[in-house]
Amino acid sequence: MTKAFFAAICMALIPAMTLAQSQVSFGGGGQDTSAPVEVTADSLSVNQSDGTALYTGNVVIVQGEMRLAAPRVLVIYSEERSEITRMEATGGVIVVRGEEAAEGERADYNIDDGQIVMSGNVLVTQGDSAMTSERMVVNLEDGTAQMSGRVKTVLQQGSQDGGQ
């Protein structure tokens, strides 16, 4: 069996094997969920009675190495109104951490447990490779993610040295 034939067989099998893949790395571990949260937007509407703040228009949220961008983000504060407990981003969301990025229709970030749940046509890019699914749960503490709902992976292979 020649190297080229073996490589062709492997390349044909990789997509089938990776369709079942559900756990991926996202941005490495160690996101500091206690770091300050900086929010910028075109407008802000605060509701004192339910402890929420609605940011709309070009919303960008930065916490440590993580950046989230969306058209609309609802921020939910603790009962004491002293800290943010959750954020709900909708309308097309982009989350960037390190060299990796994820896109989806919605992202719910629970700051207390350090998890982001993205849903709706989720796309994750890691370098030249990409994965899609309907839902992804990211654990920011250890940098892992679980993808579910028809997971598809496209792996870009490095160039071969002279075909050898």
N, C-alpha and C. Protein backbone atom coordinates (compact mmCIF):
# COMPACT_ATOMS: atom_id res chain seq x y z
N MET A 1 0.85 -1.17 0.00
CA MET A 1 0.00 0.00 0.00
C MET A 1 0.90 1.24 0.00
N THR A 2 0.71 2.16 -0.94
CA THR A 2 1.54 3.35 -1.00
C THR A 2 1.11 4.36 0.05
N LYS A 3 2.03 5.27 0.37
CA LYS A 3 1.72 6.32 1.35
C LYS A 3 0.56 7.18 0.88
N ALA A 4 0.51 7.49 -0.41
CA ALA A 4 -0.56 8.34 -0.94
C ALA A 4 -1.92 7.65 -0.80
N PHE A 5 -1.98 6.35 -1.09
CA PHE A 5 -3.23 5.61 -0.98
C PHE A 5 -3.67 5.54 0.48
N PHE A 6 -2.74 5.26 1.39
CA PHE A 6 -3.04 5.20 2.82
C PHE A 6 -3.54 6.56 3.32
N ALA A 7 -2.89 7.63 2.88
CA ALA A 7 -3.31 8.97 3.28
C ALA A 7 -4.72 9.28 2.77
N ALA A 8 -5.03 8.85 1.54
CA ALA A 8 -6.36 9.09 0.98
C ALA A 8 -7.43 8.36 1.79
N ILE A 9 -7.15 7.13 2.20
CA ILE A 9 -8.10 6.36 3.01
C ILE A 9 -8.31 7.05 4.35
N CYS A 10 -7.22 7.48 4.99
CA CYS A 10 -7.33 8.17 6.28
C CYS A 10 -8.14 9.45 6.15
N MET A 11 -7.90 10.21 5.09
CA MET A 11 -8.63 11.46 4.89
C MET A 11 -10.12 11.19 4.67
N ALA A 12 -10.46 10.08 4.04
CA ALA A 12 -11.85 9.74 3.83
C ALA A 12 -12.53 9.33 5.14
N LEU A 13 -11.78 8.71 6.06
CA LEU A 13 -12.36 8.25 7.32
C LEU A 13 -12.45 9.33 8.38
N ILE A 14 -11.60 10.34 8.34
CA ILE A 14 -11.58 11.36 9.39
C ILE A 14 -12.93 12.04 9.57
N PRO A 15 -13.61 12.51 8.49
CA PRO A 15 -14.91 13.15 8.72
C PRO A 15 -15.92 12.23 9.40
N ALA A 16 -15.96 10.97 9.03
CA ALA A 16 -16.91 10.05 9.65
C ALA A 16 -16.60 9.86 11.13
N MET A 17 -15.33 9.78 11.49
CA MET A 17 -14.96 9.59 12.88
C MET A 17 -15.24 10.83 13.70
N THR A 18 -15.02 12.01 13.13
CA THR A 18 -15.17 13.22 13.90
C THR A 18 -16.61 13.69 14.03
N LEU A 19 -17.55 13.14 13.25
CA LEU A 19 -18.95 13.50 13.42
C LEU A 19 -19.44 13.12 14.81
N ALA A 20 -18.86 12.10 15.40
CA ALA A 20 -19.27 11.69 16.73
C ALA A 20 -18.56 12.47 17.83
N GLN A 21 -17.57 13.25 17.48
CA GLN A 21 -16.81 14.01 18.46
C GLN A 21 -17.70 15.02 19.15
N SER A 22 -17.62 15.08 20.47
CA SER A 22 -18.48 16.03 21.17
C SER A 22 -17.72 16.87 22.18
N GLN A 23 -16.53 16.48 22.59
CA GLN A 23 -15.79 17.29 23.55
C GLN A 23 -14.60 17.92 22.85
N VAL A 24 -14.47 19.23 23.01
CA VAL A 24 -13.39 19.97 22.37
C VAL A 24 -12.74 20.90 23.38
N SER A 25 -11.59 21.40 23.02
CA SER A 25 -10.92 22.40 23.84
C SER A 25 -11.39 23.77 23.38
N PHE A 26 -11.54 24.71 24.31
CA PHE A 26 -11.90 26.07 23.92
C PHE A 26 -11.06 27.04 24.73
N GLY A 27 -10.03 27.58 24.11
CA GLY A 27 -9.23 28.65 24.70
C GLY A 27 -8.35 28.26 25.86
N GLY A 28 -8.11 26.98 26.05
CA GLY A 28 -7.28 26.58 27.19
C GLY A 28 -8.02 26.77 28.48
N GLY A 29 -7.40 26.51 29.59
CA GLY A 29 -8.07 26.60 30.89
C GLY A 29 -7.75 27.90 31.60
N GLY A 30 -8.38 28.07 32.74
CA GLY A 30 -8.01 29.13 33.64
C GLY A 30 -8.62 30.50 33.42
N GLN A 31 -9.81 30.60 32.82
CA GLN A 31 -10.47 31.90 32.71
C GLN A 31 -10.76 32.42 34.11
N ASP A 32 -10.39 33.65 34.37
CA ASP A 32 -10.62 34.26 35.68
C ASP A 32 -12.04 34.82 35.71
N THR A 33 -13.00 34.03 36.22
CA THR A 33 -14.39 34.46 36.24
C THR A 33 -14.64 35.55 37.28
N SER A 34 -13.64 35.84 38.13
CA SER A 34 -13.79 36.92 39.10
C SER A 34 -13.21 38.23 38.57
N ALA A 35 -12.62 38.22 37.37
CA ALA A 35 -12.05 39.43 36.78
C ALA A 35 -13.16 40.44 36.49
N PRO A 36 -12.83 41.72 36.47
CA PRO A 36 -13.83 42.73 36.16
C PRO A 36 -14.45 42.51 34.78
N VAL A 37 -15.71 42.87 34.63
CA VAL A 37 -16.43 42.75 33.37
C VAL A 37 -16.62 44.17 32.82
N GLU A 38 -16.12 44.40 31.61
CA GLU A 38 -16.26 45.71 30.96
C GLU A 38 -17.27 45.58 29.83
N VAL A 39 -18.29 46.44 29.83
CA VAL A 39 -19.34 46.39 28.81
C VAL A 39 -19.40 47.74 28.10
N THR A 40 -19.40 47.69 26.76
CA THR A 40 -19.64 48.90 25.97
C THR A 40 -20.79 48.60 25.00
N ALA A 41 -21.62 49.61 24.74
CA ALA A 41 -22.78 49.45 23.86
C ALA A 41 -23.28 50.81 23.40
N ASP A 42 -24.18 50.79 22.42
CA ASP A 42 -24.78 52.04 21.94
C ASP A 42 -25.78 52.59 22.94
N SER A 43 -26.50 51.71 23.65
CA SER A 43 -27.47 52.19 24.63
C SER A 43 -27.62 51.21 25.79
N LEU A 44 -28.14 51.75 26.90
CA LEU A 44 -28.33 50.98 28.12
C LEU A 44 -29.66 51.36 28.74
N SER A 45 -30.42 50.31 29.13
CA SER A 45 -31.68 50.51 29.84
C SER A 45 -31.61 49.70 31.13
N VAL A 46 -31.75 50.37 32.28
CA VAL A 46 -31.63 49.71 33.58
C VAL A 46 -33.01 49.56 34.21
N ASN A 47 -33.28 48.36 34.74
CA ASN A 47 -34.54 48.09 35.43
C ASN A 47 -34.21 47.78 36.88
N GLN A 48 -34.38 48.76 37.77
CA GLN A 48 -34.05 48.60 39.19
C GLN A 48 -34.94 47.55 39.87
N SER A 49 -36.19 47.41 39.42
CA SER A 49 -37.12 46.51 40.11
C SER A 49 -36.74 45.04 39.95
N ASP A 50 -36.21 44.65 38.80
CA ASP A 50 -35.83 43.24 38.64
C ASP A 50 -34.33 43.01 38.58
N GLY A 51 -33.54 44.06 38.74
CA GLY A 51 -32.08 43.92 38.80
C GLY A 51 -31.45 43.52 37.48
N THR A 52 -31.94 44.12 36.39
CA THR A 52 -31.37 43.82 35.07
C THR A 52 -30.91 45.10 34.39
N ALA A 53 -30.03 44.90 33.44
CA ALA A 53 -29.59 45.99 32.57
C ALA A 53 -29.57 45.44 31.15
N LEU A 54 -30.19 46.16 30.22
CA LEU A 54 -30.25 45.72 28.84
C LEU A 54 -29.36 46.63 28.00
N TYR A 55 -28.31 46.02 27.44
CA TYR A 55 -27.41 46.72 26.54
C TYR A 55 -27.80 46.37 25.12
N THR A 56 -27.89 47.37 24.26
CA THR A 56 -28.24 47.13 22.86
C THR A 56 -27.33 47.91 21.94
N GLY A 57 -27.15 47.38 20.74
CA GLY A 57 -26.35 48.04 19.71
C GLY A 57 -24.86 47.89 19.90
N ASN A 58 -24.24 47.07 19.08
CA ASN A 58 -22.78 46.90 19.09
C ASN A 58 -22.23 46.61 20.49
N VAL A 59 -22.84 45.68 21.18
CA VAL A 59 -22.42 45.35 22.54
C VAL A 59 -21.12 44.55 22.50
N VAL A 60 -20.15 44.98 23.29
CA VAL A 60 -18.89 44.25 23.45
C VAL A 60 -18.63 44.11 24.94
N ILE A 61 -18.42 42.86 25.36
CA ILE A 61 -18.14 42.57 26.76
C ILE A 61 -16.79 41.89 26.85
N VAL A 62 -15.94 42.40 27.74
CA VAL A 62 -14.60 41.85 27.92
C VAL A 62 -14.42 41.46 29.37
N GLN A 63 -13.95 40.22 29.58
CA GLN A 63 -13.58 39.77 30.92
C GLN A 63 -12.29 38.98 30.77
N GLY A 64 -11.20 39.52 31.30
CA GLY A 64 -9.91 38.85 31.16
C GLY A 64 -9.57 38.69 29.69
N GLU A 65 -9.30 37.44 29.27
CA GLU A 65 -8.93 37.15 27.89
C GLU A 65 -10.13 36.88 26.99
N MET A 66 -11.33 36.89 27.55
CA MET A 66 -12.52 36.56 26.78
C MET A 66 -13.24 37.82 26.31
N ARG A 67 -13.73 37.76 25.07
CA ARG A 67 -14.47 38.88 24.47
C ARG A 67 -15.75 38.33 23.88
N LEU A 68 -16.89 38.97 24.19
CA LEU A 68 -18.19 38.58 23.65
C LEU A 68 -18.78 39.79 22.94
N ALA A 69 -19.29 39.57 21.74
CA ALA A 69 -19.93 40.66 20.98
C ALA A 69 -21.30 40.19 20.51
N ALA A 70 -22.31 41.07 20.61
CA ALA A 70 -23.67 40.74 20.20
C ALA A 70 -24.48 42.02 20.04
N PRO A 71 -25.59 41.97 19.32
CA PRO A 71 -26.45 43.14 19.20
C PRO A 71 -27.21 43.48 20.48
N ARG A 72 -27.49 42.44 21.31
CA ARG A 72 -28.31 42.64 22.50
C ARG A 72 -27.81 41.75 23.63
N VAL A 73 -27.60 42.33 24.81
CA VAL A 73 -27.17 41.55 25.98
C VAL A 73 -27.96 42.02 27.20
N LEU A 74 -28.62 41.05 27.84
CA LEU A 74 -29.32 41.31 29.09
C LEU A 74 -28.41 40.86 30.23
N VAL A 75 -28.11 41.77 31.14
CA VAL A 75 -27.25 41.49 32.28
C VAL A 75 -28.13 41.36 33.52
N ILE A 76 -27.97 40.25 34.23
CA ILE A 76 -28.76 40.00 35.43
C ILE A 76 -27.84 40.09 36.64
N TYR A 77 -28.22 40.95 37.58
CA TYR A 77 -27.42 41.16 38.78
C TYR A 77 -27.91 40.29 39.93
N SER A 78 -27.06 40.09 40.93
CA SER A 78 -27.44 39.35 42.13
C SER A 78 -28.54 40.11 42.87
N GLU A 79 -29.19 39.44 43.82
CA GLU A 79 -30.26 40.09 44.59
C GLU A 79 -29.77 41.33 45.30
N GLU A 80 -28.52 41.32 45.73
CA GLU A 80 -27.94 42.48 46.42
C GLU A 80 -27.52 43.57 45.44
N ARG A 81 -27.59 43.26 44.13
CA ARG A 81 -27.20 44.19 43.06
C ARG A 81 -25.72 44.54 43.11
N SER A 82 -24.93 43.67 43.76
CA SER A 82 -23.51 43.98 43.92
C SER A 82 -22.62 43.36 42.84
N GLU A 83 -23.14 42.33 42.15
CA GLU A 83 -22.32 41.70 41.12
C GLU A 83 -23.21 41.09 40.05
N ILE A 84 -22.61 40.88 38.88
CA ILE A 84 -23.31 40.26 37.77
C ILE A 84 -23.32 38.75 38.00
N THR A 85 -24.50 38.12 37.82
CA THR A 85 -24.57 36.67 37.96
C THR A 85 -24.71 35.97 36.61
N ARG A 86 -25.45 36.61 35.67
CA ARG A 86 -25.66 36.01 34.35
C ARG A 86 -25.72 37.07 33.28
N MET A 87 -25.43 36.63 32.06
CA MET A 87 -25.62 37.48 30.88
C MET A 87 -26.26 36.64 29.79
N GLU A 88 -27.25 37.20 29.10
CA GLU A 88 -27.93 36.53 28.02
C GLU A 88 -27.74 37.37 26.75
N ALA A 89 -26.95 36.86 25.82
CA ALA A 89 -26.65 37.57 24.57
C ALA A 89 -27.46 36.94 23.45
N THR A 90 -28.08 37.78 22.62
CA THR A 90 -28.90 37.29 21.52
C THR A 90 -28.69 38.12 20.26
N GLY A 91 -29.16 37.56 19.15
CA GLY A 91 -29.13 38.29 17.89
C GLY A 91 -27.90 38.03 17.04
N GLY A 92 -27.16 36.97 17.34
CA GLY A 92 -25.90 36.68 16.65
C GLY A 92 -24.75 37.04 17.56
N VAL A 93 -24.14 36.03 18.16
CA VAL A 93 -23.14 36.23 19.21
C VAL A 93 -21.80 35.69 18.75
N ILE A 94 -20.74 36.41 19.07
CA ILE A 94 -19.37 35.96 18.82
C ILE A 94 -18.62 35.97 20.14
N VAL A 95 -17.99 34.84 20.47
CA VAL A 95 -17.16 34.74 21.66
C VAL A 95 -15.75 34.39 21.20
N VAL A 96 -14.78 35.19 21.64
CA VAL A 96 -13.38 34.96 21.27
C VAL A 96 -12.58 34.78 22.54
N ARG A 97 -11.76 33.73 22.56
CA ARG A 97 -10.88 33.47 23.69
C ARG A 97 -9.59 32.90 23.14
N GLY A 98 -8.52 33.64 23.33
CA GLY A 98 -7.24 33.21 22.77
C GLY A 98 -7.31 33.18 21.26
N GLU A 99 -6.86 32.07 20.67
CA GLU A 99 -6.85 31.92 19.21
C GLU A 99 -8.13 31.29 18.68
N GLU A 100 -9.10 31.05 19.54
CA GLU A 100 -10.30 30.36 19.13
C GLU A 100 -11.51 31.29 19.20
N ALA A 101 -12.48 31.00 18.34
CA ALA A 101 -13.70 31.82 18.31
C ALA A 101 -14.91 30.91 18.15
N ALA A 102 -16.04 31.37 18.68
CA ALA A 102 -17.30 30.65 18.53
C ALA A 102 -18.38 31.64 18.17
N GLU A 103 -19.28 31.21 17.28
CA GLU A 103 -20.42 32.03 16.87
C GLU A 103 -21.69 31.23 17.09
N GLY A 104 -22.77 31.91 17.39
CA GLY A 104 -24.06 31.26 17.54
C GLY A 104 -25.15 32.31 17.59
N GLU A 105 -26.40 31.86 17.58
CA GLU A 105 -27.51 32.80 17.64
C GLU A 105 -27.72 33.35 19.05
N ARG A 106 -27.32 32.56 20.07
CA ARG A 106 -27.55 32.95 21.46
C ARG A 106 -26.42 32.41 22.33
N ALA A 107 -26.10 33.17 23.40
CA ALA A 107 -25.14 32.70 24.40
C ALA A 107 -25.62 33.12 25.78
N ASP A 108 -25.68 32.16 26.69
CA ASP A 108 -26.03 32.42 28.08
C ASP A 108 -24.80 32.15 28.93
N TYR A 109 -24.31 33.17 29.62
CA TYR A 109 -23.08 33.08 30.41
C TYR A 109 -23.45 33.14 31.88
N ASN A 110 -23.23 32.04 32.60
CA ASN A 110 -23.44 31.99 34.04
C ASN A 110 -22.09 32.22 34.69
N ILE A 111 -21.89 33.40 35.23
CA ILE A 111 -20.59 33.78 35.77
C ILE A 111 -20.24 32.96 37.00
N ASP A 112 -21.24 32.64 37.83
CA ASP A 112 -20.98 31.89 39.06
C ASP A 112 -20.35 30.53 38.79
N ASP A 113 -20.86 29.80 37.80
CA ASP A 113 -20.29 28.48 37.53
C ASP A 113 -19.32 28.47 36.35
N GLY A 114 -19.07 29.63 35.75
CA GLY A 114 -18.07 29.74 34.69
C GLY A 114 -18.44 28.98 33.43
N GLN A 115 -19.73 28.96 33.08
CA GLN A 115 -20.16 28.24 31.88
C GLN A 115 -20.88 29.17 30.91
N ILE A 116 -20.60 28.94 29.63
CA ILE A 116 -21.32 29.61 28.55
C ILE A 116 -22.05 28.54 27.77
N VAL A 117 -23.35 28.72 27.58
CA VAL A 117 -24.14 27.82 26.74
C VAL A 117 -24.48 28.59 25.48
N MET A 118 -23.94 28.12 24.35
CA MET A 118 -24.24 28.74 23.06
C MET A 118 -25.20 27.83 22.31
N SER A 119 -26.14 28.45 21.59
CA SER A 119 -27.10 27.65 20.84
C SER A 119 -27.45 28.33 19.53
N GLY A 120 -27.96 27.51 18.60
CA GLY A 120 -28.39 28.04 17.30
C GLY A 120 -27.27 28.18 16.31
N ASN A 121 -27.05 27.16 15.49
CA ASN A 121 -26.02 27.20 14.44
C ASN A 121 -24.65 27.59 14.99
N VAL A 122 -24.18 26.87 15.97
CA VAL A 122 -22.89 27.16 16.61
C VAL A 122 -21.75 26.79 15.66
N LEU A 123 -20.81 27.70 15.52
CA LEU A 123 -19.60 27.48 14.71
C LEU A 123 -18.41 27.80 15.58
N VAL A 124 -17.48 26.84 15.69
CA VAL A 124 -16.25 27.05 16.45
C VAL A 124 -15.08 26.95 15.48
N THR A 125 -14.20 27.94 15.50
CA THR A 125 -13.00 27.87 14.68
C THR A 125 -11.79 27.81 15.59
N GLN A 126 -10.89 26.89 15.21
CA GLN A 126 -9.62 26.71 15.92
C GLN A 126 -8.55 26.66 14.85
N GLY A 127 -7.90 27.80 14.60
CA GLY A 127 -6.96 27.88 13.49
C GLY A 127 -7.72 27.73 12.18
N ASP A 128 -7.27 26.80 11.32
CA ASP A 128 -7.93 26.55 10.04
C ASP A 128 -9.04 25.52 10.15
N SER A 129 -9.20 24.90 11.30
CA SER A 129 -10.23 23.87 11.48
C SER A 129 -11.51 24.49 12.02
N ALA A 130 -12.63 23.82 11.74
CA ALA A 130 -13.93 24.34 12.19
C ALA A 130 -14.84 23.20 12.61
N MET A 131 -15.75 23.49 13.55
CA MET A 131 -16.76 22.54 13.99
C MET A 131 -18.09 23.27 14.09
N THR A 132 -19.15 22.56 13.76
CA THR A 132 -20.49 23.13 13.87
C THR A 132 -21.37 22.19 14.69
N SER A 133 -22.37 22.77 15.33
CA SER A 133 -23.37 22.00 16.08
C SER A 133 -24.54 22.91 16.39
N GLU A 134 -25.55 22.37 17.03
CA GLU A 134 -26.69 23.19 17.44
C GLU A 134 -26.50 23.80 18.82
N ARG A 135 -25.64 23.14 19.66
CA ARG A 135 -25.47 23.60 21.04
C ARG A 135 -24.07 23.30 21.51
N MET A 136 -23.52 24.22 22.30
CA MET A 136 -22.19 24.01 22.88
C MET A 136 -22.20 24.57 24.30
N VAL A 137 -21.66 23.78 25.24
CA VAL A 137 -21.51 24.22 26.63
C VAL A 137 -20.01 24.34 26.89
N VAL A 138 -19.56 25.55 27.20
CA VAL A 138 -18.14 25.82 27.44
C VAL A 138 -17.91 25.97 28.94
N ASN A 139 -16.96 25.22 29.47
CA ASN A 139 -16.53 25.35 30.85
C ASN A 139 -15.27 26.21 30.83
N LEU A 140 -15.39 27.46 31.26
CA LEU A 140 -14.26 28.39 31.20
C LEU A 140 -13.17 28.07 32.21
N GLU A 141 -13.51 27.35 33.26
CA GLU A 141 -12.51 27.03 34.29
C GLU A 141 -11.44 26.10 33.75
N ASP A 142 -11.87 25.06 32.96
CA ASP A 142 -10.87 24.12 32.45
C ASP A 142 -10.69 24.20 30.94
N GLY A 143 -11.42 25.09 30.27
CA GLY A 143 -11.23 25.31 28.84
C GLY A 143 -11.79 24.22 27.96
N THR A 144 -12.76 23.43 28.46
CA THR A 144 -13.35 22.38 27.64
C THR A 144 -14.73 22.81 27.17
N ALA A 145 -15.21 22.12 26.14
CA ALA A 145 -16.54 22.40 25.62
C ALA A 145 -17.18 21.09 25.18
N GLN A 146 -18.47 20.99 25.38
CA GLN A 146 -19.26 19.85 24.92
C GLN A 146 -20.18 20.35 23.82
N MET A 147 -20.12 19.71 22.65
CA MET A 147 -20.98 20.09 21.54
C MET A 147 -21.99 18.99 21.31
N SER A 148 -23.23 19.38 20.97
CA SER A 148 -24.28 18.40 20.71
C SER A 148 -25.20 18.92 19.63
N GLY A 149 -25.91 18.00 18.99
CA GLY A 149 -26.85 18.38 17.94
C GLY A 149 -26.20 18.40 16.58
N ARG A 150 -26.02 17.24 16.00
CA ARG A 150 -25.42 17.06 14.66
C ARG A 150 -24.09 17.80 14.55
N VAL A 151 -23.11 17.26 15.23
CA VAL A 151 -21.77 17.84 15.24
C VAL A 151 -21.05 17.48 13.94
N LYS A 152 -20.44 18.48 13.34
CA LYS A 152 -19.65 18.27 12.12
C LYS A 152 -18.30 18.94 12.32
N THR A 153 -17.23 18.25 11.93
CA THR A 153 -15.88 18.77 12.09
C THR A 153 -15.16 18.77 10.76
N VAL A 154 -14.47 19.86 10.45
CA VAL A 154 -13.63 19.96 9.27
C VAL A 154 -12.21 20.24 9.77
N LEU A 155 -11.30 19.28 9.55
CA LEU A 155 -9.92 19.41 10.01
C LEU A 155 -9.04 19.72 8.82
N GLN A 156 -8.30 20.80 8.90
CA GLN A 156 -7.36 21.17 7.86
C GLN A 156 -6.03 20.51 8.17
N GLN A 157 -5.49 19.80 7.22
CA GLN A 157 -4.23 19.10 7.39
C GLN A 157 -3.08 20.01 6.96
N GLY A 158 -1.93 19.89 7.65
CA GLY A 158 -0.74 20.66 7.28
C GLY A 158 -0.21 20.20 5.94
N SER A 159 0.60 21.02 5.30
CA SER A 159 1.15 20.66 4.01
C SER A 159 2.14 19.51 4.15
N GLN A 160 2.15 18.64 3.16
CA GLN A 160 3.07 17.51 3.13
C GLN A 160 4.41 17.96 2.59
N ASP A 161 5.49 17.39 3.06
CA ASP A 161 6.83 17.75 2.63
C ASP A 161 7.16 17.03 1.34
N GLY A 162 6.89 17.69 0.21
CA GLY A 162 7.28 17.14 -1.10
C GLY A 162 6.53 15.87 -1.46
N GLY A 163 5.36 15.61 -0.84
CA GLY A 163 4.58 14.44 -1.17
C GLY A 163 5.12 13.16 -0.58
N GLN A 164 6.10 13.23 0.30
CA GLN A 164 6.70 12.02 0.89
C GLN A 164 5.97 11.57 2.11
